[in-house]
Amino acid sequence: QVQLEESGGGLVQAGGSLRLSCVASGRTSSFNTGWFRQAPGKEREFVAAISYFTAYTHYADSVKDRFTISRDNAKNTVYLQMTSLKPEDTAIYYCGAAAMWSLASQQYSGWGQGTQVTVSS
């Protein structure tokens, strides 16, 4: 069973940047990893995902060309580099692990507590 922990969130002005980290502990394995976010009153939505072996990536249209997902398997860590942040990016950001490639949150597990990203105008 893999457990993930998110960090790196904070308060940033619109147009700024943040880098989020997702560190896996416990029984780490070759899981695909996804970043999701959830704003108050909204459903958890897909942000980005990366495969384990080939580092294939996919992004939500809302963050494409602004966010970059990457991973360092030796450190059991996945990153989400966020640039050109917008107020609409404000949310709690979570990462999860999936045995099979998926963009659906229900296929992921091992969620951490999330990390808050707040983007001011």
PDB file of N, CA and C in Angstrom:
ATOM      1  N   GLN A   1       0.847  -1.190   0.000  1.00  0.00           N
ATOM      2  CA  GLN A   1       0.000   0.000   0.000  1.00  0.00           C
ATOM      3  C   GLN A   1       0.886   1.245   0.000  1.00  0.00           C
ATOM      4  N   VAL A   2       0.660   2.096  -0.954  1.00  0.00           N
ATOM      5  CA  VAL A   2       1.443   3.312  -1.070  1.00  0.00           C
ATOM      6  C   VAL A   2       0.692   4.472  -0.419  1.00  0.00           C
ATOM      7  N   GLN A   3       1.432   5.332   0.244  1.00  0.00           N
ATOM      8  CA  GLN A   3       0.874   6.536   0.836  1.00  0.00           C
ATOM      9  C   GLN A   3       1.630   7.733   0.292  1.00  0.00           C
ATOM     10  N   LEU A   4       0.902   8.749  -0.108  1.00  0.00           N
ATOM     11  CA  LEU A   4       1.491   9.932  -0.706  1.00  0.00           C
ATOM     12  C   LEU A   4       1.306  11.136   0.205  1.00  0.00           C
ATOM     13  N   GLU A   5       2.244  12.059   0.123  1.00  0.00           N
ATOM     14  CA  GLU A   5       2.175  13.276   0.907  1.00  0.00           C
ATOM     15  C   GLU A   5       2.527  14.463   0.022  1.00  0.00           C
ATOM     16  N   GLU A   6       1.632  15.427  -0.030  1.00  0.00           N
ATOM     17  CA  GLU A   6       1.811  16.607  -0.860  1.00  0.00           C
ATOM     18  C   GLU A   6       2.403  17.750  -0.045  1.00  0.00           C
ATOM     19  N   SER A   7       3.167  18.598  -0.705  1.00  0.00           N
ATOM     20  CA  SER A   7       3.721  19.777  -0.069  1.00  0.00           C
ATOM     21  C   SER A   7       4.056  20.805  -1.142  1.00  0.00           C
ATOM     22  N   GLY A   8       4.368  22.012  -0.702  1.00  0.00           N
ATOM     23  CA  GLY A   8       4.817  23.048  -1.613  1.00  0.00           C
ATOM     24  C   GLY A   8       3.802  24.124  -1.919  1.00  0.00           C
ATOM     25  N   GLY A   9       2.584  23.971  -1.430  1.00  0.00           N
ATOM     26  CA  GLY A   9       1.572  24.973  -1.683  1.00  0.00           C
ATOM     27  C   GLY A   9       1.840  26.252  -0.909  1.00  0.00           C
ATOM     28  N   GLY A  10       1.058  27.259  -1.228  1.00  0.00           N
ATOM     29  CA  GLY A  10       1.206  28.532  -0.555  1.00  0.00           C
ATOM     30  C   GLY A  10       0.382  29.596  -1.230  1.00  0.00           C
ATOM     31  N   LEU A  11       0.645  30.825  -0.840  1.00  0.00           N
ATOM     32  CA  LEU A  11      -0.039  31.987  -1.395  1.00  0.00           C
ATOM     33  C   LEU A  11       0.865  32.654  -2.412  1.00  0.00           C
ATOM     34  N   VAL A  12       0.336  32.893  -3.592  1.00  0.00           N
ATOM     35  CA  VAL A  12       1.121  33.500  -4.654  1.00  0.00           C
ATOM     36  C   VAL A  12       0.241  34.462  -5.437  1.00  0.00           C
ATOM     37  N   GLN A  13       0.860  35.487  -5.970  1.00  0.00           N
ATOM     38  CA  GLN A  13       0.143  36.453  -6.786  1.00  0.00           C
ATOM     39  C   GLN A  13      -0.089  35.888  -8.183  1.00  0.00           C
ATOM     40  N   ALA A  14      -1.162  36.320  -8.809  1.00  0.00           N
ATOM     41  CA  ALA A  14      -1.436  35.897 -10.177  1.00  0.00           C
ATOM     42  C   ALA A  14      -0.218  36.149 -11.062  1.00  0.00           C
ATOM     43  N   GLY A  15       0.091  35.159 -11.879  1.00  0.00           N
ATOM     44  CA  GLY A  15       1.264  35.231 -12.721  1.00  0.00           C
ATOM     45  C   GLY A  15       2.498  34.610 -12.112  1.00  0.00           C
ATOM     46  N   GLY A  16       2.425  34.268 -10.841  1.00  0.00           N
ATOM     47  CA  GLY A  16       3.559  33.684 -10.152  1.00  0.00           C
ATOM     48  C   GLY A  16       3.668  32.189 -10.365  1.00  0.00           C
ATOM     49  N   SER A  17       4.606  31.585  -9.641  1.00  0.00           N
ATOM     50  CA  SER A  17       4.906  30.169  -9.806  1.00  0.00           C
ATOM     51  C   SER A  17       5.016  29.471  -8.466  1.00  0.00           C
ATOM     52  N   LEU A  18       4.724  28.187  -8.474  1.00  0.00           N
ATOM     53  CA  LEU A  18       4.916  27.312  -7.332  1.00  0.00           C
ATOM     54  C   LEU A  18       5.309  25.939  -7.848  1.00  0.00           C
ATOM     55  N   ARG A  19       6.045  25.207  -7.041  1.00  0.00           N
ATOM     56  CA  ARG A  19       6.344  23.821  -7.347  1.00  0.00           C
ATOM     57  C   ARG A  19       5.840  22.938  -6.220  1.00  0.00           C
ATOM     58  N   LEU A  20       4.952  22.041  -6.561  1.00  0.00           N
ATOM     59  CA  LEU A  20       4.410  21.097  -5.605  1.00  0.00           C
ATOM     60  C   LEU A  20       5.188  19.792  -5.665  1.00  0.00           C
ATOM     61  N   SER A  21       5.283  19.131  -4.520  1.00  0.00           N
ATOM     62  CA  SER A  21       5.951  17.848  -4.442  1.00  0.00           C
ATOM     63  C   SER A  21       4.997  16.806  -3.898  1.00  0.00           C
ATOM     64  N   CYS A  22       5.149  15.593  -4.369  1.00  0.00           N
ATOM     65  CA  CYS A  22       4.356  14.458  -3.925  1.00  0.00           C
ATOM     66  C   CYS A  22       5.323  13.324  -3.633  1.00  0.00           C
ATOM     67  N   VAL A  23       5.477  13.012  -2.360  1.00  0.00           N
ATOM     68  CA  VAL A  23       6.438  12.004  -1.931  1.00  0.00           C
ATOM     69  C   VAL A  23       5.699  10.738  -1.517  1.00  0.00           C
ATOM     70  N   ALA A  24       6.138   9.624  -2.043  1.00  0.00           N
ATOM     71  CA  ALA A  24       5.532   8.340  -1.728  1.00  0.00           C
ATOM     72  C   ALA A  24       6.299   7.639  -0.623  1.00  0.00           C
ATOM     73  N   SER A  25       5.564   6.988   0.256  1.00  0.00           N
ATOM     74  CA  SER A  25       6.158   6.196   1.317  1.00  0.00           C
ATOM     75  C   SER A  25       5.410   4.876   1.427  1.00  0.00           C
ATOM     76  N   GLY A  26       5.892   4.020   2.306  1.00  0.00           N
ATOM     77  CA  GLY A  26       5.291   2.709   2.422  1.00  0.00           C
ATOM     78  C   GLY A  26       5.774   1.801   1.306  1.00  0.00           C
ATOM     79  N   ARG A  27       4.882   0.994   0.807  1.00  0.00           N
ATOM     80  CA  ARG A  27       5.228   0.054  -0.257  1.00  0.00           C
ATOM     81  C   ARG A  27       5.136   0.740  -1.609  1.00  0.00           C
ATOM     82  N   THR A  28       6.191   1.439  -1.934  1.00  0.00           N
ATOM     83  CA  THR A  28       6.230   2.118  -3.219  1.00  0.00           C
ATOM     84  C   THR A  28       6.396   1.104  -4.344  1.00  0.00           C
ATOM     85  N   SER A  29       5.824   1.420  -5.476  1.00  0.00           N
ATOM     86  CA  SER A  29       5.876   0.536  -6.621  1.00  0.00           C
ATOM     87  C   SER A  29       5.781   1.372  -7.889  1.00  0.00           C
ATOM     88  N   SER A  30       5.637   0.700  -9.006  1.00  0.00           N
ATOM     89  CA  SER A  30       5.614   1.368 -10.303  1.00  0.00           C
ATOM     90  C   SER A  30       4.213   1.872 -10.635  1.00  0.00           C
ATOM     91  N   PHE A  31       3.766   2.828  -9.854  1.00  0.00           N
ATOM     92  CA  PHE A  31       2.447   3.403 -10.061  1.00  0.00           C
ATOM     93  C   PHE A  31       2.513   4.630 -10.961  1.00  0.00           C
ATOM     94  N   ASN A  32       1.487   4.787 -11.758  1.00  0.00           N
ATOM     95  CA  ASN A  32       1.263   6.069 -12.408  1.00  0.00           C
ATOM     96  C   ASN A  32       0.812   7.055 -11.332  1.00  0.00           C
ATOM     97  N   THR A  33       1.125   8.317 -11.527  1.00  0.00           N
ATOM     98  CA  THR A  33       0.810   9.319 -10.522  1.00  0.00           C
ATOM     99  C   THR A  33       0.042  10.465 -11.148  1.00  0.00           C
ATOM    100  N   GLY A  34      -0.977  10.906 -10.456  1.00  0.00           N
ATOM    101  CA  GLY A  34      -1.784  12.006 -10.948  1.00  0.00           C
ATOM    102  C   GLY A  34      -1.929  13.113  -9.923  1.00  0.00           C
ATOM    103  N   TRP A  35      -1.993  14.331 -10.414  1.00  0.00           N
ATOM    104  CA  TRP A  35      -2.327  15.479  -9.595  1.00  0.00           C
ATOM    105  C   TRP A  35      -3.775  15.869  -9.860  1.00  0.00           C
ATOM    106  N   PHE A  36      -4.499  16.106  -8.793  1.00  0.00           N
ATOM    107  CA  PHE A  36      -5.876  16.550  -8.855  1.00  0.00           C
ATOM    108  C   PHE A  36      -6.035  17.743  -7.930  1.00  0.00           C
ATOM    109  N   ARG A  37      -7.067  18.518  -8.156  1.00  0.00           N
ATOM    110  CA  ARG A  37      -7.312  19.655  -7.285  1.00  0.00           C
ATOM    111  C   ARG A  37      -8.797  19.783  -7.002  1.00  0.00           C
ATOM    112  N   GLN A  38      -9.092  20.386  -5.873  1.00  0.00           N
ATOM    113  CA  GLN A  38     -10.469  20.559  -5.470  1.00  0.00           C
ATOM    114  C   GLN A  38     -10.643  21.920  -4.819  1.00  0.00           C
ATOM    115  N   ALA A  39     -11.492  22.725  -5.409  1.00  0.00           N
ATOM    116  CA  ALA A  39     -11.835  24.028  -4.870  1.00  0.00           C
ATOM    117  C   ALA A  39     -13.093  23.902  -4.026  1.00  0.00           C
ATOM    118  N   PRO A  40     -13.321  24.826  -3.099  1.00  0.00           N
ATOM    119  CA  PRO A  40     -14.513  24.759  -2.257  1.00  0.00           C
ATOM    120  C   PRO A  40     -15.791  24.673  -3.078  1.00  0.00           C
ATOM    121  N   GLY A  41     -16.636  23.715  -2.736  1.00  0.00           N
ATOM    122  CA  GLY A  41     -17.900  23.551  -3.420  1.00  0.00           C
ATOM    123  C   GLY A  41     -17.817  22.911  -4.787  1.00  0.00           C
ATOM    124  N   LYS A  42     -16.642  22.485  -5.199  1.00  0.00           N
ATOM    125  CA  LYS A  42     -16.475  21.884  -6.509  1.00  0.00           C
ATOM    126  C   LYS A  42     -15.965  20.455  -6.391  1.00  0.00           C
ATOM    127  N   GLU A  43     -16.140  19.702  -7.459  1.00  0.00           N
ATOM    128  CA  GLU A  43     -15.645  18.338  -7.505  1.00  0.00           C
ATOM    129  C   GLU A  43     -14.141  18.324  -7.709  1.00  0.00           C
ATOM    130  N   ARG A  44     -13.540  17.235  -7.279  1.00  0.00           N
ATOM    131  CA  ARG A  44     -12.127  17.060  -7.533  1.00  0.00           C
ATOM    132  C   ARG A  44     -11.902  16.880  -9.026  1.00  0.00           C
ATOM    133  N   GLU A  45     -10.980  17.643  -9.577  1.00  0.00           N
ATOM    134  CA  GLU A  45     -10.755  17.604 -11.012  1.00  0.00           C
ATOM    135  C   GLU A  45      -9.319  17.223 -11.345  1.00  0.00           C
ATOM    136  N   PHE A  46      -9.189  16.592 -12.479  1.00  0.00           N
ATOM    137  CA  PHE A  46      -7.888  16.167 -12.965  1.00  0.00           C
ATOM    138  C   PHE A  46      -7.048  17.361 -13.372  1.00  0.00           C
ATOM    139  N   VAL A  47      -5.764  17.308 -13.041  1.00  0.00           N
ATOM    140  CA  VAL A  47      -4.824  18.350 -13.415  1.00  0.00           C
ATOM    141  C   VAL A  47      -3.757  17.812 -14.365  1.00  0.00           C
ATOM    142  N   ALA A  48      -3.051  16.787 -13.924  1.00  0.00           N
ATOM    143  CA  ALA A  48      -1.967  16.226 -14.728  1.00  0.00           C
ATOM    144  C   ALA A  48      -1.646  14.828 -14.239  1.00  0.00           C
ATOM    145  N   ALA A  49      -1.095  14.011 -15.112  1.00  0.00           N
ATOM    146  CA  ALA A  49      -0.692  12.664 -14.744  1.00  0.00           C
ATOM    147  C   ALA A  49       0.594  12.296 -15.461  1.00  0.00           C
ATOM    148  N   ILE A  50       1.335  11.386 -14.859  1.00  0.00           N
ATOM    149  CA  ILE A  50       2.589  10.939 -15.437  1.00  0.00           C
ATOM    150  C   ILE A  50       2.736   9.446 -15.207  1.00  0.00           C
ATOM    151  N   SER A  51       3.171   8.737 -16.226  1.00  0.00           N
ATOM    152  CA  SER A  51       3.374   7.306 -16.102  1.00  0.00           C
ATOM    153  C   SER A  51       4.705   7.021 -15.436  1.00  0.00           C
ATOM    154  N   TYR A  52       4.860   5.795 -14.960  1.00  0.00           N
ATOM    155  CA  TYR A  52       6.038   5.469 -14.170  1.00  0.00           C
ATOM    156  C   TYR A  52       7.282   5.243 -15.023  1.00  0.00           C
ATOM    157  N   PHE A  53       7.188   4.349 -16.004  1.00  0.00           N
ATOM    158  CA  PHE A  53       8.386   3.926 -16.727  1.00  0.00           C
ATOM    159  C   PHE A  53       8.789   4.866 -17.856  1.00  0.00           C
ATOM    160  N   THR A  54       7.835   5.349 -18.602  1.00  0.00           N
ATOM    161  CA  THR A  54       8.146   6.181 -19.757  1.00  0.00           C
ATOM    162  C   THR A  54       7.991   7.670 -19.491  1.00  0.00           C
ATOM    163  N   ALA A  55       7.434   8.031 -18.343  1.00  0.00           N
ATOM    164  CA  ALA A  55       7.170   9.426 -17.997  1.00  0.00           C
ATOM    165  C   ALA A  55       6.258  10.100 -19.021  1.00  0.00           C
ATOM    166  N   TYR A  56       5.381   9.322 -19.600  1.00  0.00           N
ATOM    167  CA  TYR A  56       4.349   9.886 -20.458  1.00  0.00           C
ATOM    168  C   TYR A  56       3.461  10.797 -19.622  1.00  0.00           C
ATOM    169  N   THR A  57       3.104  11.934 -20.164  1.00  0.00           N
ATOM    170  CA  THR A  57       2.336  12.917 -19.406  1.00  0.00           C
ATOM    171  C   THR A  57       1.078  13.331 -20.139  1.00  0.00           C
ATOM    172  N   HIS A  58       0.121  13.772 -19.372  1.00  0.00           N
ATOM    173  CA  HIS A  58      -1.101  14.324 -19.918  1.00  0.00           C
ATOM    174  C   HIS A  58      -1.584  15.425 -18.991  1.00  0.00           C
ATOM    175  N   TYR A  59      -2.141  16.479 -19.587  1.00  0.00           N
ATOM    176  CA  TYR A  59      -2.572  17.637 -18.827  1.00  0.00           C
ATOM    177  C   TYR A  59      -4.005  18.008 -19.141  1.00  0.00           C
ATOM    178  N   ALA A  60      -4.676  18.541 -18.145  1.00  0.00           N
ATOM    179  CA  ALA A  60      -5.972  19.140 -18.394  1.00  0.00           C
ATOM    180  C   ALA A  60      -5.795  20.373 -19.272  1.00  0.00           C
ATOM    181  N   ASP A  61      -6.770  20.628 -20.116  1.00  0.00           N
ATOM    182  CA  ASP A  61      -6.675  21.780 -21.008  1.00  0.00           C
ATOM    183  C   ASP A  61      -6.485  23.086 -20.242  1.00  0.00           C
ATOM    184  N   SER A  62      -7.048  23.169 -19.056  1.00  0.00           N
ATOM    185  CA  SER A  62      -6.994  24.392 -18.278  1.00  0.00           C
ATOM    186  C   SER A  62      -5.592  24.730 -17.783  1.00  0.00           C
ATOM    187  N   VAL A  63      -4.699  23.739 -17.745  1.00  0.00           N
ATOM    188  CA  VAL A  63      -3.353  23.977 -17.238  1.00  0.00           C
ATOM    189  C   VAL A  63      -2.283  23.705 -18.279  1.00  0.00           C
ATOM    190  N   LYS A  64      -2.667  23.216 -19.425  1.00  0.00           N
ATOM    191  CA  LYS A  64      -1.696  22.895 -20.478  1.00  0.00           C
ATOM    192  C   LYS A  64      -0.880  24.139 -20.830  1.00  0.00           C
ATOM    193  N   ASP A  65       0.407  23.947 -20.988  1.00  0.00           N
ATOM    194  CA  ASP A  65       1.375  24.990 -21.318  1.00  0.00           C
ATOM    195  C   ASP A  65       1.720  25.880 -20.132  1.00  0.00           C
ATOM    196  N   ARG A  66       1.101  25.635 -18.988  1.00  0.00           N
ATOM    197  CA  ARG A  66       1.433  26.385 -17.781  1.00  0.00           C
ATOM    198  C   ARG A  66       2.025  25.495 -16.695  1.00  0.00           C
ATOM    199  N   PHE A  67       1.535  24.266 -16.600  1.00  0.00           N
ATOM    200  CA  PHE A  67       1.997  23.333 -15.579  1.00  0.00           C
ATOM    201  C   PHE A  67       2.852  22.249 -16.219  1.00  0.00           C
ATOM    202  N   THR A  68       3.811  21.748 -15.453  1.00  0.00           N
ATOM    203  CA  THR A  68       4.653  20.655 -15.905  1.00  0.00           C
ATOM    204  C   THR A  68       4.757  19.612 -14.801  1.00  0.00           C
ATOM    205  N   ILE A  69       4.404  18.384 -15.126  1.00  0.00           N
ATOM    206  CA  ILE A  69       4.531  17.291 -14.180  1.00  0.00           C
ATOM    207  C   ILE A  69       5.790  16.498 -14.506  1.00  0.00           C
ATOM    208  N   SER A  70       6.506  16.088 -13.483  1.00  0.00           N
ATOM    209  CA  SER A  70       7.715  15.305 -13.664  1.00  0.00           C
ATOM    210  C   SER A  70       7.875  14.374 -12.471  1.00  0.00           C
ATOM    211  N   ARG A  71       8.797  13.431 -12.588  1.00  0.00           N
ATOM    212  CA  ARG A  71       9.016  12.527 -11.467  1.00  0.00           C
ATOM    213  C   ARG A  71      10.469  12.128 -11.356  1.00  0.00           C
ATOM    214  N   ASP A  72      10.852  11.820 -10.131  1.00  0.00           N
ATOM    215  CA  ASP A  72      12.171  11.310  -9.814  1.00  0.00           C
ATOM    216  C   ASP A  72      11.937  10.005  -9.072  1.00  0.00           C
ATOM    217  N   ASN A  73      11.997   8.910  -9.794  1.00  0.00           N
ATOM    218  CA  ASN A  73      11.664   7.625  -9.196  1.00  0.00           C
ATOM    219  C   ASN A  73      12.636   7.229  -8.085  1.00  0.00           C
ATOM    220  N   ALA A  74      13.885   7.644  -8.194  1.00  0.00           N
ATOM    221  CA  ALA A  74      14.859   7.335  -7.157  1.00  0.00           C
ATOM    222  C   ALA A  74      14.485   7.981  -5.830  1.00  0.00           C
ATOM    223  N   LYS A  75      13.793   9.105  -5.891  1.00  0.00           N
ATOM    224  CA  LYS A  75      13.363   9.807  -4.689  1.00  0.00           C
ATOM    225  C   LYS A  75      11.898   9.569  -4.360  1.00  0.00           C
ATOM    226  N   ASN A  76      11.253   8.723  -5.146  1.00  0.00           N
ATOM    227  CA  ASN A  76       9.830   8.441  -4.952  1.00  0.00           C
ATOM    228  C   ASN A  76       9.010   9.726  -4.912  1.00  0.00           C
ATOM    229  N   THR A  77       9.344  10.637  -5.788  1.00  0.00           N
ATOM    230  CA  THR A  77       8.736  11.956  -5.761  1.00  0.00           C
ATOM    231  C   THR A  77       8.236  12.356  -7.141  1.00  0.00           C
ATOM    232  N   VAL A  78       7.059  12.935  -7.158  1.00  0.00           N
ATOM    233  CA  VAL A  78       6.486  13.531  -8.356  1.00  0.00           C
ATOM    234  C   VAL A  78       6.310  15.014  -8.100  1.00  0.00           C
ATOM    235  N   TYR A  79       6.602  15.813  -9.101  1.00  0.00           N
ATOM    236  CA  TYR A  79       6.526  17.255  -8.965  1.00  0.00           C
ATOM    237  C   TYR A  79       5.469  17.827  -9.897  1.00  0.00           C
ATOM    238  N   LEU A  80       4.954  18.962  -9.505  1.00  0.00           N
ATOM    239  CA  LEU A  80       4.083  19.736 -10.369  1.00  0.00           C
ATOM    240  C   LEU A  80       4.577  21.174 -10.352  1.00  0.00           C
ATOM    241  N   GLN A  81       5.245  21.560 -11.425  1.00  0.00           N
ATOM    242  CA  GLN A  81       5.720  22.925 -11.564  1.00  0.00           C
ATOM    243  C   GLN A  81       4.606  23.756 -12.177  1.00  0.00           C
ATOM    244  N   MET A  82       4.172  24.759 -11.465  1.00  0.00           N
ATOM    245  CA  MET A  82       3.064  25.589 -11.891  1.00  0.00           C
ATOM    246  C   MET A  82       3.573  26.998 -12.161  1.00  0.00           C
ATOM    247  N   THR A  83       3.307  27.482 -13.348  1.00  0.00           N
ATOM    248  CA  THR A  83       3.682  28.833 -13.732  1.00  0.00           C
ATOM    249  C   THR A  83       2.462  29.569 -14.251  1.00  0.00           C
ATOM    250  N   SER A  84       2.601  30.884 -14.371  1.00  0.00           N
ATOM    251  CA  SER A  84       1.506  31.722 -14.862  1.00  0.00           C
ATOM    252  C   SER A  84       0.210  31.417 -14.123  1.00  0.00           C
ATOM    253  N   LEU A  85       0.304  31.342 -12.827  1.00  0.00           N
ATOM    254  CA  LEU A  85      -0.843  30.955 -12.017  1.00  0.00           C
ATOM    255  C   LEU A  85      -1.958  31.986 -12.102  1.00  0.00           C
ATOM    256  N   LYS A  86      -3.168  31.469 -12.071  1.00  0.00           N
ATOM    257  CA  LYS A  86      -4.369  32.287 -12.143  1.00  0.00           C
ATOM    258  C   LYS A  86      -5.202  32.080 -10.884  1.00  0.00           C
ATOM    259  N   PRO A  87      -6.045  33.052 -10.533  1.00  0.00           N
ATOM    260  CA  PRO A  87      -6.928  32.850  -9.374  1.00  0.00           C
ATOM    261  C   PRO A  87      -7.765  31.582  -9.468  1.00  0.00           C
ATOM    262  N   GLU A  88      -8.137  31.175 -10.664  1.00  0.00           N
ATOM    263  CA  GLU A  88      -8.927  29.969 -10.844  1.00  0.00           C
ATOM    264  C   GLU A  88      -8.152  28.700 -10.516  1.00  0.00           C
ATOM    265  N   ASP A  89      -6.840  28.813 -10.348  1.00  0.00           N
ATOM    266  CA  ASP A  89      -6.032  27.673  -9.933  1.00  0.00           C
ATOM    267  C   ASP A  89      -6.104  27.441  -8.426  1.00  0.00           C
ATOM    268  N   THR A  90      -6.727  28.351  -7.698  1.00  0.00           N
ATOM    269  CA  THR A  90      -6.841  28.217  -6.252  1.00  0.00           C
ATOM    270  C   THR A  90      -7.620  26.957  -5.904  1.00  0.00           C
ATOM    271  N   ALA A  91      -7.007  26.101  -5.107  1.00  0.00           N
ATOM    272  CA  ALA A  91      -7.614  24.831  -4.732  1.00  0.00           C
ATOM    273  C   ALA A  91      -6.672  24.099  -3.793  1.00  0.00           C
ATOM    274  N   ILE A  92      -7.172  23.016  -3.231  1.00  0.00           N
ATOM    275  CA  ILE A  92      -6.308  22.076  -2.554  1.00  0.00           C
ATOM    276  C   ILE A  92      -5.846  21.060  -3.591  1.00  0.00           C
ATOM    277  N   TYR A  93      -4.554  20.858  -3.662  1.00  0.00           N
ATOM    278  CA  TYR A  93      -3.969  19.966  -4.648  1.00  0.00           C
ATOM    279  C   TYR A  93      -3.592  18.642  -3.997  1.00  0.00           C
ATOM    280  N   TYR A  94      -4.011  17.567  -4.629  1.00  0.00           N
ATOM    281  CA  TYR A  94      -3.767  16.221  -4.137  1.00  0.00           C
ATOM    282  C   TYR A  94      -3.036  15.415  -5.193  1.00  0.00           C
ATOM    283  N   CYS A  95      -2.290  14.427  -4.750  1.00  0.00           N
ATOM    284  CA  CYS A  95      -1.735  13.463  -5.684  1.00  0.00           C
ATOM    285  C   CYS A  95      -2.161  12.069  -5.278  1.00  0.00           C
ATOM    286  N   GLY A  96      -2.302  11.218  -6.264  1.00  0.00           N
ATOM    287  CA  GLY A  96      -2.695   9.842  -6.043  1.00  0.00           C
ATOM    288  C   GLY A  96      -1.950   8.915  -6.976  1.00  0.00           C
ATOM    289  N   ALA A  97      -2.004   7.635  -6.671  1.00  0.00           N
ATOM    290  CA  ALA A  97      -1.317   6.613  -7.451  1.00  0.00           C
ATOM    291  C   ALA A  97      -2.332   5.673  -8.079  1.00  0.00           C
ATOM    292  N   ALA A  98      -2.049   5.263  -9.304  1.00  0.00           N
ATOM    293  CA  ALA A  98      -2.928   4.356 -10.030  1.00  0.00           C
ATOM    294  C   ALA A  98      -2.109   3.265 -10.695  1.00  0.00           C
ATOM    295  N   ALA A  99      -2.564   2.036 -10.571  1.00  0.00           N
ATOM    296  CA  ALA A  99      -1.862   0.915 -11.184  1.00  0.00           C
ATOM    297  C   ALA A  99      -1.963   0.946 -12.701  1.00  0.00           C
ATOM    298  N   MET A 100      -3.070   1.450 -13.213  1.00  0.00           N
ATOM    299  CA  MET A 100      -3.284   1.552 -14.644  1.00  0.00           C
ATOM    300  C   MET A 100      -3.412   3.018 -15.037  1.00  0.00           C
ATOM    301  N   TRP A 101      -3.043   3.322 -16.255  1.00  0.00           N
ATOM    302  CA  TRP A 101      -3.111   4.683 -16.736  1.00  0.00           C
ATOM    303  C   TRP A 101      -4.552   5.160 -16.733  1.00  0.00           C
ATOM    304  N   SER A 102      -4.783   6.297 -16.118  1.00  0.00           N
ATOM    305  CA  SER A 102      -6.131   6.811 -16.007  1.00  0.00           C
ATOM    306  C   SER A 102      -6.094   8.301 -15.716  1.00  0.00           C
ATOM    307  N   LEU A 103      -7.134   8.994 -16.146  1.00  0.00           N
ATOM    308  CA  LEU A 103      -7.329  10.398 -15.820  1.00  0.00           C
ATOM    309  C   LEU A 103      -8.474  10.586 -14.833  1.00  0.00           C
ATOM    310  N   ALA A 104      -9.021   9.500 -14.340  1.00  0.00           N
ATOM    311  CA  ALA A 104     -10.166   9.535 -13.452  1.00  0.00           C
ATOM    312  C   ALA A 104      -9.722   9.377 -12.002  1.00  0.00           C
ATOM    313  N   SER A 105     -10.194  10.259 -11.152  1.00  0.00           N
ATOM    314  CA  SER A 105      -9.763  10.255  -9.760  1.00  0.00           C
ATOM    315  C   SER A 105     -10.126   8.964  -9.035  1.00  0.00           C
ATOM    316  N   GLN A 106     -11.226   8.327  -9.438  1.00  0.00           N
ATOM    317  CA  GLN A 106     -11.645   7.114  -8.742  1.00  0.00           C
ATOM    318  C   GLN A 106     -10.694   5.949  -8.971  1.00  0.00           C
ATOM    319  N   GLN A 107      -9.802   6.057  -9.930  1.00  0.00           N
ATOM    320  CA  GLN A 107      -8.818   5.019 -10.184  1.00  0.00           C
ATOM    321  C   GLN A 107      -7.541   5.224  -9.372  1.00  0.00           C
ATOM    322  N   TYR A 108      -7.467   6.288  -8.636  1.00  0.00           N
ATOM    323  CA  TYR A 108      -6.283   6.607  -7.854  1.00  0.00           C
ATOM    324  C   TYR A 108      -6.513   6.347  -6.373  1.00  0.00           C
ATOM    325  N   SER A 109      -5.422   6.128  -5.673  1.00  0.00           N
ATOM    326  CA  SER A 109      -5.480   5.867  -4.248  1.00  0.00           C
ATOM    327  C   SER A 109      -4.229   6.426  -3.586  1.00  0.00           C
ATOM    328  N   GLY A 110      -4.162   6.295  -2.278  1.00  0.00           N
ATOM    329  CA  GLY A 110      -3.004   6.758  -1.533  1.00  0.00           C
ATOM    330  C   GLY A 110      -2.954   8.262  -1.339  1.00  0.00           C
ATOM    331  N   TRP A 111      -4.082   8.921  -1.504  1.00  0.00           N
ATOM    332  CA  TRP A 111      -4.137  10.373  -1.372  1.00  0.00           C
ATOM    333  C   TRP A 111      -3.547  10.863  -0.066  1.00  0.00           C
ATOM    334  N   GLY A 112      -2.823  11.966  -0.138  1.00  0.00           N
ATOM    335  CA  GLY A 112      -2.345  12.625   1.058  1.00  0.00           C
ATOM    336  C   GLY A 112      -3.368  13.619   1.561  1.00  0.00           C
ATOM    337  N   GLN A 113      -2.916  14.493   2.451  1.00  0.00           N
ATOM    338  CA  GLN A 113      -3.813  15.491   3.029  1.00  0.00           C
ATOM    339  C   GLN A 113      -4.057  16.662   2.092  1.00  0.00           C
ATOM    340  N   GLY A 114      -3.285  16.747   1.043  1.00  0.00           N
ATOM    341  CA  GLY A 114      -3.392  17.844   0.104  1.00  0.00           C
ATOM    342  C   GLY A 114      -2.572  19.044   0.537  1.00  0.00           C
ATOM    343  N   THR A 115      -2.306  19.918  -0.408  1.00  0.00           N
ATOM    344  CA  THR A 115      -1.593  21.149  -0.111  1.00  0.00           C
ATOM    345  C   THR A 115      -2.342  22.310  -0.744  1.00  0.00           C
ATOM    346  N   GLN A 116      -2.537  23.361   0.021  1.00  0.00           N
ATOM    347  CA  GLN A 116      -3.356  24.485  -0.407  1.00  0.00           C
ATOM    348  C   GLN A 116      -2.567  25.413  -1.312  1.00  0.00           C
ATOM    349  N   VAL A 117      -3.150  25.718  -2.456  1.00  0.00           N
ATOM    350  CA  VAL A 117      -2.608  26.720  -3.366  1.00  0.00           C
ATOM    351  C   VAL A 117      -3.617  27.845  -3.469  1.00  0.00           C
ATOM    352  N   THR A 118      -3.188  29.041  -3.143  1.00  0.00           N
ATOM    353  CA  THR A 118      -4.048  30.208  -3.219  1.00  0.00           C
ATOM    354  C   THR A 118      -3.392  31.245  -4.123  1.00  0.00           C
ATOM    355  N   VAL A 119      -4.111  31.655  -5.143  1.00  0.00           N
ATOM    356  CA  VAL A 119      -3.602  32.621  -6.109  1.00  0.00           C
ATOM    357  C   VAL A 119      -4.442  33.881  -6.007  1.00  0.00           C
ATOM    358  N   SER A 120      -3.818  34.975  -5.664  1.00  0.00           N
ATOM    359  CA  SER A 120      -4.512  36.244  -5.513  1.00  0.00           C
ATOM    360  C   SER A 120      -4.457  37.038  -6.811  1.00  0.00           C
ATOM    361  N   SER A 121      -5.433  37.923  -6.985  1.00  0.00           N
ATOM    362  CA  SER A 121      -5.498  38.745  -8.184  1.00  0.00           C
ATOM    363  C   SER A 121      -4.461  39.848  -8.141  1.00  0.00           C
TER     364      SER A 121
END
